[in-house]
């Protein structure tokens, strides 16, 4: 039993580290927020809002806001320092940006 499967396989191993797929979102901004790209990995990245976002979830990532390329309106040619406008949502992982575009 479990002989050729390697160490840990017969007991379930470590499993997945976090949620998979899109999480339920709740929009928390009424008007567009401005900020800039801190990191961009091609399909996702992190934004720094120009003003602090008033939400307990903002403390989860030191105030950084997650951005997926699926939430970008228009061109996806973002790079570090690009100025953007976006709506803010909250999910189980923290804050995220949607309807994001460069300005």
PDB file of N, CA and C in Angstrom:
ATOM      1  N   UNK A   1       0.843  -1.185   0.000  1.00  0.00           N
ATOM      2  CA  UNK A   1       0.000   0.000   0.000  1.00  0.00           C
ATOM      3  C   UNK A   1       0.885   1.243   0.000  1.00  0.00           C
ATOM      4  N   UNK A   2       0.752   2.093  -1.017  1.00  0.00           N
ATOM      5  CA  UNK A   2       1.510   3.329  -1.085  1.00  0.00           C
ATOM      6  C   UNK A   2       2.996   3.140  -1.331  1.00  0.00           C
ATOM      7  N   UNK A   3       3.405   1.944  -1.715  1.00  0.00           N
ATOM      8  CA  UNK A   3       4.816   1.597  -1.809  1.00  0.00           C
ATOM      9  C   UNK A   3       5.601   2.462  -2.798  1.00  0.00           C
ATOM     10  N   UNK A   4       5.080   2.688  -3.996  1.00  0.00           N
ATOM     11  CA  UNK A   4       5.829   3.409  -5.019  1.00  0.00           C
ATOM     12  C   UNK A   4       5.379   4.864  -5.190  1.00  0.00           C
ATOM     13  N   UNK A   5       4.644   5.385  -4.250  1.00  0.00           N
ATOM     14  CA  UNK A   5       4.089   6.723  -4.417  1.00  0.00           C
ATOM     15  C   UNK A   5       4.949   7.806  -3.778  1.00  0.00           C
ATOM     16  N   UNK A   6       5.961   7.458  -3.045  1.00  0.00           N
ATOM     17  CA  UNK A   6       6.816   8.469  -2.430  1.00  0.00           C
ATOM     18  C   UNK A   6       6.324   8.859  -1.049  1.00  0.00           C
ATOM     19  N   UNK A   7       7.175   9.529  -0.313  1.00  0.00           N
ATOM     20  CA  UNK A   7       6.888   9.905   1.064  1.00  0.00           C
ATOM     21  C   UNK A   7       5.726  10.883   1.132  1.00  0.00           C
ATOM     22  N   UNK A   8       4.781  10.644   2.003  1.00  0.00           N
ATOM     23  CA  UNK A   8       3.678  11.564   2.236  1.00  0.00           C
ATOM     24  C   UNK A   8       2.449  11.331   1.384  1.00  0.00           C
ATOM     25  N   UNK A   9       2.572  10.587   0.292  1.00  0.00           N
ATOM     26  CA  UNK A   9       1.432  10.404  -0.599  1.00  0.00           C
ATOM     27  C   UNK A   9       0.319   9.597   0.036  1.00  0.00           C
ATOM     28  N   UNK A  10       0.638   8.577   0.810  1.00  0.00           N
ATOM     29  CA  UNK A  10      -0.413   7.743   1.395  1.00  0.00           C
ATOM     30  C   UNK A  10      -1.181   8.463   2.498  1.00  0.00           C
ATOM     31  N   UNK A  11      -0.680   9.582   2.985  1.00  0.00           N
ATOM     32  CA  UNK A  11      -1.361  10.325   4.046  1.00  0.00           C
ATOM     33  C   UNK A  11      -1.960  11.633   3.525  1.00  0.00           C
ATOM     34  N   UNK A  12      -1.985  11.807   2.218  1.00  0.00           N
ATOM     35  CA  UNK A  12      -2.619  12.990   1.657  1.00  0.00           C
ATOM     36  C   UNK A  12      -1.671  14.116   1.296  1.00  0.00           C
ATOM     37  N   UNK A  13      -0.416  14.061   1.677  1.00  0.00           N
ATOM     38  CA  UNK A  13       0.518  15.136   1.342  1.00  0.00           C
ATOM     39  C   UNK A  13       0.098  16.467   1.943  1.00  0.00           C
ATOM     40  N   UNK A  14       0.623  17.543   1.401  1.00  0.00           N
ATOM     41  CA  UNK A  14       0.327  18.869   1.943  1.00  0.00           C
ATOM     42  C   UNK A  14      -0.922  19.486   1.344  1.00  0.00           C
ATOM     43  N   UNK A  15      -1.316  19.080   0.148  1.00  0.00           N
ATOM     44  CA  UNK A  15      -2.515  19.644  -0.462  1.00  0.00           C
ATOM     45  C   UNK A  15      -2.283  21.039  -1.002  1.00  0.00           C
ATOM     46  N   UNK A  16      -3.381  21.690  -1.354  1.00  0.00           N
ATOM     47  CA  UNK A  16      -3.296  23.027  -1.931  1.00  0.00           C
ATOM     48  C   UNK A  16      -3.104  24.073  -0.853  1.00  0.00           C
ATOM     49  N   UNK A  17      -2.483  25.169  -1.223  1.00  0.00           N
ATOM     50  CA  UNK A  17      -2.133  26.215  -0.269  1.00  0.00           C
ATOM     51  C   UNK A  17      -3.239  27.243  -0.057  1.00  0.00           C
ATOM     52  N   UNK A  18      -4.152  27.394  -0.993  1.00  0.00           N
ATOM     53  CA  UNK A  18      -5.180  28.419  -0.849  1.00  0.00           C
ATOM     54  C   UNK A  18      -6.320  28.184  -1.812  1.00  0.00           C
ATOM     55  N   UNK A  19      -7.256  29.130  -1.870  1.00  0.00           N
ATOM     56  CA  UNK A  19      -8.407  28.975  -2.745  1.00  0.00           C
ATOM     57  C   UNK A  19      -7.993  28.967  -4.213  1.00  0.00           C
ATOM     58  N   UNK A  20      -8.745  28.236  -5.012  1.00  0.00           N
ATOM     59  CA  UNK A  20      -8.484  28.147  -6.438  1.00  0.00           C
ATOM     60  C   UNK A  20      -9.679  28.744  -7.174  1.00  0.00           C
ATOM     61  N   UNK A  21      -9.408  29.516  -8.214  1.00  0.00           N
ATOM     62  CA  UNK A  21     -10.482  30.118  -8.992  1.00  0.00           C
ATOM     63  C   UNK A  21     -10.929  31.439  -8.401  1.00  0.00           C
ATOM     64  N   UNK A  22     -11.846  32.095  -9.107  1.00  0.00           N
ATOM     65  CA  UNK A  22     -12.302  33.408  -8.643  1.00  0.00           C
ATOM     66  C   UNK A  22     -13.070  33.309  -7.325  1.00  0.00           C
ATOM     67  N   UNK A  23     -12.782  34.237  -6.436  1.00  0.00           N
ATOM     68  CA  UNK A  23     -13.481  34.303  -5.152  1.00  0.00           C
ATOM     69  C   UNK A  23     -14.641  35.286  -5.268  1.00  0.00           C
ATOM     70  N   UNK A  24     -15.679  35.131  -4.442  1.00  0.00           N
ATOM     71  CA  UNK A  24     -16.780  36.103  -4.458  1.00  0.00           C
ATOM     72  C   UNK A  24     -16.266  37.491  -4.094  1.00  0.00           C
ATOM     73  N   UNK A  25     -16.700  38.496  -4.862  1.00  0.00           N
ATOM     74  CA  UNK A  25     -16.238  39.873  -4.675  1.00  0.00           C
ATOM     75  C   UNK A  25     -17.354  40.764  -4.140  1.00  0.00           C
ATOM     76  N   UNK A  26     -16.937  41.755  -3.356  1.00  0.00           N
ATOM     77  CA  UNK A  26     -17.842  42.807  -2.909  1.00  0.00           C
ATOM     78  C   UNK A  26     -17.169  44.137  -3.217  1.00  0.00           C
ATOM     79  N   UNK A  27     -17.794  44.935  -4.088  1.00  0.00           N
ATOM     80  CA  UNK A  27     -17.207  46.244  -4.411  1.00  0.00           C
ATOM     81  C   UNK A  27     -17.343  47.158  -3.206  1.00  0.00           C
ATOM     82  N   UNK A  28     -16.246  47.833  -2.857  1.00  0.00           N
ATOM     83  CA  UNK A  28     -16.274  48.721  -1.691  1.00  0.00           C
ATOM     84  C   UNK A  28     -16.030  50.182  -2.061  1.00  0.00           C
ATOM     85  N   UNK A  29     -15.801  50.473  -3.351  1.00  0.00           N
ATOM     86  CA  UNK A  29     -15.608  51.872  -3.756  1.00  0.00           C
ATOM     87  C   UNK A  29     -16.842  52.355  -4.517  1.00  0.00           C
ATOM     88  N   UNK A  30     -17.232  53.609  -4.256  1.00  0.00           N
ATOM     89  CA  UNK A  30     -18.352  54.220  -4.973  1.00  0.00           C
ATOM     90  C   UNK A  30     -17.869  54.991  -6.194  1.00  0.00           C
ATOM     91  N   UNK A  31     -16.653  55.489  -6.117  1.00  0.00           N
ATOM     92  CA  UNK A  31     -16.057  56.248  -7.223  1.00  0.00           C
ATOM     93  C   UNK A  31     -14.696  55.637  -7.548  1.00  0.00           C
ATOM     94  N   UNK A  32     -14.206  55.934  -8.740  1.00  0.00           N
ATOM     95  CA  UNK A  32     -12.904  55.399  -9.155  1.00  0.00           C
ATOM     96  C   UNK A  32     -11.795  55.917  -8.247  1.00  0.00           C
ATOM     97  N   UNK A  33     -10.828  55.054  -8.000  1.00  0.00           N
ATOM     98  CA  UNK A  33      -9.666  55.350  -7.164  1.00  0.00           C
ATOM     99  C   UNK A  33      -8.463  55.458  -8.098  1.00  0.00           C
ATOM    100  N   UNK A  34      -7.491  56.287  -7.754  1.00  0.00           N
ATOM    101  CA  UNK A  34      -6.271  56.375  -8.558  1.00  0.00           C
ATOM    102  C   UNK A  34      -5.113  55.725  -7.810  1.00  0.00           C
ATOM    103  N   UNK A  35      -4.140  55.276  -8.575  1.00  0.00           N
ATOM    104  CA  UNK A  35      -2.961  54.663  -7.978  1.00  0.00           C
ATOM    105  C   UNK A  35      -1.924  54.389  -9.046  1.00  0.00           C
ATOM    106  N   UNK A  36      -0.927  53.600  -8.685  1.00  0.00           N
ATOM    107  CA  UNK A  36       0.107  53.250  -9.657  1.00  0.00           C
ATOM    108  C   UNK A  36       0.520  51.797  -9.500  1.00  0.00           C
ATOM    109  N   UNK A  37       1.039  51.244 -10.592  1.00  0.00           N
ATOM    110  CA  UNK A  37       1.485  49.856 -10.613  1.00  0.00           C
ATOM    111  C   UNK A  37       2.795  49.741  -9.831  1.00  0.00           C
ATOM    112  N   UNK A  38       2.802  48.875  -8.816  1.00  0.00           N
ATOM    113  CA  UNK A  38       4.025  48.597  -8.049  1.00  0.00           C
ATOM    114  C   UNK A  38       4.805  47.437  -8.650  1.00  0.00           C
ATOM    115  N   UNK A  39       4.070  46.396  -9.064  1.00  0.00           N
ATOM    116  CA  UNK A  39       4.657  45.182  -9.645  1.00  0.00           C
ATOM    117  C   UNK A  39       3.766  44.745 -10.780  1.00  0.00           C
ATOM    118  N   UNK A  40       4.339  44.270 -11.878  1.00  0.00           N
ATOM    119  CA  UNK A  40       3.530  43.728 -12.965  1.00  0.00           C
ATOM    120  C   UNK A  40       4.205  42.481 -13.514  1.00  0.00           C
ATOM    121  N   UNK A  41       3.478  41.355 -13.495  1.00  0.00           N
ATOM    122  CA  UNK A  41       4.014  40.054 -13.900  1.00  0.00           C
ATOM    123  C   UNK A  41       3.438  39.578 -15.236  1.00  0.00           C
ATOM    124  N   UNK A  42       2.795  40.457 -15.992  1.00  0.00           N
ATOM    125  CA  UNK A  42       2.246  40.086 -17.293  1.00  0.00           C
ATOM    126  C   UNK A  42       0.772  39.746 -17.252  1.00  0.00           C
ATOM    127  N   UNK A  43       0.349  38.946 -16.292  1.00  0.00           N
ATOM    128  CA  UNK A  43      -1.063  38.564 -16.142  1.00  0.00           C
ATOM    129  C   UNK A  43      -1.669  39.086 -14.843  1.00  0.00           C
ATOM    130  N   UNK A  44      -0.828  39.523 -13.931  1.00  0.00           N
ATOM    131  CA  UNK A  44      -1.311  40.072 -12.662  1.00  0.00           C
ATOM    132  C   UNK A  44      -0.242  40.979 -12.075  1.00  0.00           C
ATOM    133  N   UNK A  45      -0.641  41.722 -11.067  1.00  0.00           N
ATOM    134  CA  UNK A  45       0.316  42.603 -10.412  1.00  0.00           C
ATOM    135  C   UNK A  45      -0.284  43.230  -9.170  1.00  0.00           C
ATOM    136  N   UNK A  46       0.407  44.220  -8.649  1.00  0.00           N
ATOM    137  CA  UNK A  46      -0.006  44.904  -7.417  1.00  0.00           C
ATOM    138  C   UNK A  46       0.003  46.406  -7.639  1.00  0.00           C
ATOM    139  N   UNK A  47      -1.014  47.068  -7.107  1.00  0.00           N
ATOM    140  CA  UNK A  47      -1.158  48.514  -7.205  1.00  0.00           C
ATOM    141  C   UNK A  47      -0.954  49.147  -5.845  1.00  0.00           C
ATOM    142  N   UNK A  48      -0.534  50.407  -5.870  1.00  0.00           N
ATOM    143  CA  UNK A  48      -0.499  51.212  -4.654  1.00  0.00           C
ATOM    144  C   UNK A  48      -1.477  52.359  -4.869  1.00  0.00           C
ATOM    145  N   UNK A  49      -2.573  52.393  -4.108  1.00  0.00           N
ATOM    146  CA  UNK A  49      -3.508  53.509  -4.260  1.00  0.00           C
ATOM    147  C   UNK A  49      -2.871  54.807  -3.779  1.00  0.00           C
ATOM    148  N   UNK A  50      -3.253  55.938  -4.403  1.00  0.00           N
ATOM    149  CA  UNK A  50      -2.719  57.234  -3.990  1.00  0.00           C
ATOM    150  C   UNK A  50      -3.235  57.637  -2.616  1.00  0.00           C
ATOM    151  N   UNK A  51      -4.452  57.220  -2.271  1.00  0.00           N
ATOM    152  CA  UNK A  51      -5.023  57.508  -0.952  1.00  0.00           C
ATOM    153  C   UNK A  51      -5.282  56.185  -0.239  1.00  0.00           C
ATOM    154  N   UNK A  52      -5.146  56.190   1.069  1.00  0.00           N
ATOM    155  CA  UNK A  52      -5.388  54.981   1.857  1.00  0.00           C
ATOM    156  C   UNK A  52      -6.838  54.540   1.694  1.00  0.00           C
ATOM    157  N   UNK A  53      -7.048  53.246   1.544  1.00  0.00           N
ATOM    158  CA  UNK A  53      -8.395  52.694   1.419  1.00  0.00           C
ATOM    159  C   UNK A  53      -8.870  52.288   2.805  1.00  0.00           C
ATOM    160  N   UNK A  54     -10.028  52.793   3.175  1.00  0.00           N
ATOM    161  CA  UNK A  54     -10.575  52.562   4.509  1.00  0.00           C
ATOM    162  C   UNK A  54     -11.299  51.220   4.552  1.00  0.00           C
ATOM    163  N   UNK A  55     -10.551  50.174   4.848  1.00  0.00           N
ATOM    164  CA  UNK A  55     -11.104  48.825   4.942  1.00  0.00           C
ATOM    165  C   UNK A  55     -10.150  47.972   5.768  1.00  0.00           C
ATOM    166  N   UNK A  56     -10.685  47.122   6.638  1.00  0.00           N
ATOM    167  CA  UNK A  56      -9.807  46.209   7.384  1.00  0.00           C
ATOM    168  C   UNK A  56      -8.985  45.312   6.449  1.00  0.00           C
ATOM    169  N   UNK A  57      -9.522  45.007   5.267  1.00  0.00           N
ATOM    170  CA  UNK A  57      -8.815  44.150   4.308  1.00  0.00           C
ATOM    171  C   UNK A  57      -7.545  44.817   3.781  1.00  0.00           C
ATOM    172  N   UNK A  58      -7.446  46.145   3.876  1.00  0.00           N
ATOM    173  CA  UNK A  58      -6.256  46.858   3.391  1.00  0.00           C
ATOM    174  C   UNK A  58      -5.015  46.456   4.177  1.00  0.00           C
ATOM    175  N   UNK A  59      -5.182  45.997   5.387  1.00  0.00           N
ATOM    176  CA  UNK A  59      -4.045  45.599   6.225  1.00  0.00           C
ATOM    177  C   UNK A  59      -3.481  44.231   5.831  1.00  0.00           C
ATOM    178  N   UNK A  60      -4.244  43.443   5.055  1.00  0.00           N
ATOM    179  CA  UNK A  60      -3.799  42.100   4.679  1.00  0.00           C
ATOM    180  C   UNK A  60      -2.546  42.108   3.807  1.00  0.00           C
ATOM    181  N   UNK A  61      -2.384  43.099   2.974  1.00  0.00           N
ATOM    182  CA  UNK A  61      -1.250  43.151   2.040  1.00  0.00           C
ATOM    183  C   UNK A  61      -0.522  44.486   2.135  1.00  0.00           C
ATOM    184  N   UNK A  62      -0.424  45.031   3.339  1.00  0.00           N
ATOM    185  CA  UNK A  62       0.235  46.323   3.569  1.00  0.00           C
ATOM    186  C   UNK A  62      -0.339  47.425   2.675  1.00  0.00           C
ATOM    187  N   UNK A  63      -1.638  47.365   2.410  1.00  0.00           N
ATOM    188  CA  UNK A  63      -2.304  48.389   1.613  1.00  0.00           C
ATOM    189  C   UNK A  63      -2.228  48.184   0.113  1.00  0.00           C
ATOM    190  N   UNK A  64      -1.490  47.148  -0.338  1.00  0.00           N
ATOM    191  CA  UNK A  64      -1.402  46.883  -1.775  1.00  0.00           C
ATOM    192  C   UNK A  64      -2.721  46.288  -2.271  1.00  0.00           C
ATOM    193  N   UNK A  65      -3.029  46.546  -3.541  1.00  0.00           N
ATOM    194  CA  UNK A  65      -4.266  46.087  -4.167  1.00  0.00           C
ATOM    195  C   UNK A  65      -3.901  45.166  -5.328  1.00  0.00           C
ATOM    196  N   UNK A  66      -4.500  43.977  -5.366  1.00  0.00           N
ATOM    197  CA  UNK A  66      -4.229  42.988  -6.408  1.00  0.00           C
ATOM    198  C   UNK A  66      -4.929  43.386  -7.705  1.00  0.00           C
ATOM    199  N   UNK A  67      -4.278  43.132  -8.836  1.00  0.00           N
ATOM    200  CA  UNK A  67      -4.879  43.380 -10.149  1.00  0.00           C
ATOM    201  C   UNK A  67      -4.625  42.196 -11.065  1.00  0.00           C
ATOM    202  N   UNK A  68      -5.701  41.645 -11.622  1.00  0.00           N
ATOM    203  CA  UNK A  68      -5.608  40.599 -12.637  1.00  0.00           C
ATOM    204  C   UNK A  68      -5.759  41.249 -14.008  1.00  0.00           C
ATOM    205  N   UNK A  69      -5.103  40.701 -15.016  1.00  0.00           N
ATOM    206  CA  UNK A  69      -5.228  41.250 -16.371  1.00  0.00           C
ATOM    207  C   UNK A  69      -6.672  41.187 -16.861  1.00  0.00           C
ATOM    208  N   UNK A  70      -7.486  40.287 -16.310  1.00  0.00           N
ATOM    209  CA  UNK A  70      -8.898  40.169 -16.688  1.00  0.00           C
ATOM    210  C   UNK A  70      -9.706  41.383 -16.243  1.00  0.00           C
ATOM    211  N   UNK A  71      -9.178  42.156 -15.301  1.00  0.00           N
ATOM    212  CA  UNK A  71      -9.891  43.319 -14.777  1.00  0.00           C
ATOM    213  C   UNK A  71      -9.421  44.631 -15.398  1.00  0.00           C
ATOM    214  N   UNK A  72      -8.637  44.536 -16.475  1.00  0.00           N
ATOM    215  CA  UNK A  72      -8.128  45.730 -17.146  1.00  0.00           C
ATOM    216  C   UNK A  72      -9.040  46.078 -18.316  1.00  0.00           C
ATOM    217  N   UNK A  73      -9.382  47.354 -18.414  1.00  0.00           N
ATOM    218  CA  UNK A  73     -10.168  47.862 -19.532  1.00  0.00           C
ATOM    219  C   UNK A  73      -9.185  48.461 -20.537  1.00  0.00           C
ATOM    220  N   UNK A  74      -9.215  47.973 -21.768  1.00  0.00           N
ATOM    221  CA  UNK A  74      -8.302  48.498 -22.789  1.00  0.00           C
ATOM    222  C   UNK A  74      -6.979  47.760 -22.800  1.00  0.00           C
ATOM    223  N   UNK A  75      -5.901  48.482 -23.059  1.00  0.00           N
ATOM    224  CA  UNK A  75      -4.559  47.918 -23.211  1.00  0.00           C
ATOM    225  C   UNK A  75      -4.055  47.263 -21.930  1.00  0.00           C
ATOM    226  N   UNK A  76      -3.296  46.190 -22.095  1.00  0.00           N
ATOM    227  CA  UNK A  76      -2.713  45.480 -20.953  1.00  0.00           C
ATOM    228  C   UNK A  76      -1.204  45.736 -20.885  1.00  0.00           C
ATOM    229  N   UNK A  77      -0.719  46.744 -21.559  1.00  0.00           N
ATOM    230  CA  UNK A  77       0.717  47.035 -21.596  1.00  0.00           C
ATOM    231  C   UNK A  77       1.150  47.847 -20.375  1.00  0.00           C
ATOM    232  N   UNK A  78       0.865  47.329 -19.202  1.00  0.00           N
ATOM    233  CA  UNK A  78       1.231  48.025 -17.969  1.00  0.00           C
ATOM    234  C   UNK A  78       2.677  47.721 -17.612  1.00  0.00           C
ATOM    235  N   UNK A  79       3.295  48.652 -16.918  1.00  0.00           N
ATOM    236  CA  UNK A  79       4.631  48.445 -16.372  1.00  0.00           C
ATOM    237  C   UNK A  79       4.690  49.176 -15.036  1.00  0.00           C
ATOM    238  N   UNK A  80       5.719  48.918 -14.274  1.00  0.00           N
ATOM    239  CA  UNK A  80       5.884  49.564 -12.971  1.00  0.00           C
ATOM    240  C   UNK A  80       5.858  51.079 -13.164  1.00  0.00           C
ATOM    241  N   UNK A  81       5.055  51.751 -12.344  1.00  0.00           N
ATOM    242  CA  UNK A  81       4.949  53.204 -12.410  1.00  0.00           C
ATOM    243  C   UNK A  81       3.775  53.714 -13.223  1.00  0.00           C
ATOM    244  N   UNK A  82       3.097  52.836 -13.991  1.00  0.00           N
ATOM    245  CA  UNK A  82       1.930  53.264 -14.761  1.00  0.00           C
ATOM    246  C   UNK A  82       0.855  53.776 -13.808  1.00  0.00           C
ATOM    247  N   UNK A  83       0.309  54.959 -14.097  1.00  0.00           N
ATOM    248  CA  UNK A  83      -0.776  55.533 -13.298  1.00  0.00           C
ATOM    249  C   UNK A  83      -2.099  54.963 -13.793  1.00  0.00           C
ATOM    250  N   UNK A  84      -2.963  54.561 -12.864  1.00  0.00           N
ATOM    251  CA  UNK A  84      -4.218  53.905 -13.221  1.00  0.00           C
ATOM    252  C   UNK A  84      -5.384  54.447 -12.395  1.00  0.00           C
ATOM    253  N   UNK A  85      -6.590  54.231 -12.915  1.00  0.00           N
ATOM    254  CA  UNK A  85      -7.817  54.427 -12.146  1.00  0.00           C
ATOM    255  C   UNK A  85      -8.486  53.064 -12.055  1.00  0.00           C
ATOM    256  N   UNK A  86      -9.200  52.813 -10.971  1.00  0.00           N
ATOM    257  CA  UNK A  86      -9.816  51.507 -10.768  1.00  0.00           C
ATOM    258  C   UNK A  86     -10.908  51.580  -9.707  1.00  0.00           C
ATOM    259  N   UNK A  87     -11.757  50.571  -9.704  1.00  0.00           N
ATOM    260  CA  UNK A  87     -12.728  50.359  -8.641  1.00  0.00           C
ATOM    261  C   UNK A  87     -12.118  49.331  -7.689  1.00  0.00           C
ATOM    262  N   UNK A  88     -12.445  49.420  -6.417  1.00  0.00           N
ATOM    263  CA  UNK A  88     -11.876  48.517  -5.414  1.00  0.00           C
ATOM    264  C   UNK A  88     -12.923  47.494  -4.987  1.00  0.00           C
ATOM    265  N   UNK A  89     -12.511  46.234  -4.951  1.00  0.00           N
ATOM    266  CA  UNK A  89     -13.367  45.189  -4.397  1.00  0.00           C
ATOM    267  C   UNK A  89     -12.621  44.496  -3.262  1.00  0.00           C
ATOM    268  N   UNK A  90     -13.374  43.779  -2.462  1.00  0.00           N
ATOM    269  CA  UNK A  90     -12.816  42.997  -1.357  1.00  0.00           C
ATOM    270  C   UNK A  90     -13.241  41.553  -1.553  1.00  0.00           C
ATOM    271  N   UNK A  91     -12.313  40.628  -1.320  1.00  0.00           N
ATOM    272  CA  UNK A  91     -12.645  39.209  -1.290  1.00  0.00           C
ATOM    273  C   UNK A  91     -11.877  38.565  -0.139  1.00  0.00           C
ATOM    274  N   UNK A  92     -11.919  37.250  -0.043  1.00  0.00           N
ATOM    275  CA  UNK A  92     -11.287  36.560   1.085  1.00  0.00           C
ATOM    276  C   UNK A  92      -9.774  36.771   1.136  1.00  0.00           C
ATOM    277  N   UNK A  93      -9.150  37.130   0.014  1.00  0.00           N
ATOM    278  CA  UNK A  93      -7.702  37.335  -0.023  1.00  0.00           C
ATOM    279  C   UNK A  93      -7.271  38.758   0.300  1.00  0.00           C
ATOM    280  N   UNK A  94      -8.209  39.693   0.284  1.00  0.00           N
ATOM    281  CA  UNK A  94      -7.863  41.091   0.542  1.00  0.00           C
ATOM    282  C   UNK A  94      -8.529  42.006  -0.459  1.00  0.00           C
ATOM    283  N   UNK A  95      -7.823  43.072  -0.848  1.00  0.00           N
ATOM    284  CA  UNK A  95      -8.362  44.051  -1.787  1.00  0.00           C
ATOM    285  C   UNK A  95      -7.903  43.754  -3.204  1.00  0.00           C
ATOM    286  N   UNK A  96      -8.783  44.051  -4.161  1.00  0.00           N
ATOM    287  CA  UNK A  96      -8.459  43.883  -5.564  1.00  0.00           C
ATOM    288  C   UNK A  96      -8.977  45.057  -6.368  1.00  0.00           C
ATOM    289  N   UNK A  97      -8.475  45.183  -7.591  1.00  0.00           N
ATOM    290  CA  UNK A  97      -8.889  46.253  -8.495  1.00  0.00           C
ATOM    291  C   UNK A  97      -9.664  45.656  -9.658  1.00  0.00           C
ATOM    292  N   UNK A  98     -10.727  46.345 -10.071  1.00  0.00           N
ATOM    293  CA  UNK A  98     -11.475  45.955 -11.260  1.00  0.00           C
ATOM    294  C   UNK A  98     -11.775  47.216 -12.063  1.00  0.00           C
ATOM    295  N   UNK A  99     -12.163  47.030 -13.333  1.00  0.00           N
ATOM    296  CA  UNK A  99     -12.401  48.164 -14.229  1.00  0.00           C
ATOM    297  C   UNK A  99     -11.203  49.116 -14.216  1.00  0.00           C
ATOM    298  N   UNK A 100     -10.019  48.546 -14.325  1.00  0.00           N
ATOM    299  CA  UNK A 100      -8.767  49.304 -14.228  1.00  0.00           C
ATOM    300  C   UNK A 100      -8.318  49.787 -15.605  1.00  0.00           C
ATOM    301  N   UNK A 101      -7.901  51.043 -15.672  1.00  0.00           N
ATOM    302  CA  UNK A 101      -7.364  51.585 -16.921  1.00  0.00           C
ATOM    303  C   UNK A 101      -6.268  52.602 -16.622  1.00  0.00           C
ATOM    304  N   UNK A 102      -5.361  52.747 -17.577  1.00  0.00           N
ATOM    305  CA  UNK A 102      -4.265  53.712 -17.432  1.00  0.00           C
ATOM    306  C   UNK A 102      -4.788  55.118 -17.699  1.00  0.00           C
ATOM    307  N   UNK A 103      -4.136  56.101 -17.086  1.00  0.00           N
ATOM    308  CA  UNK A 103      -4.489  57.503 -17.394  1.00  0.00           C
ATOM    309  C   UNK A 103      -3.240  58.327 -17.581  1.00  0.00           C
TER     310      UNK A 103
END
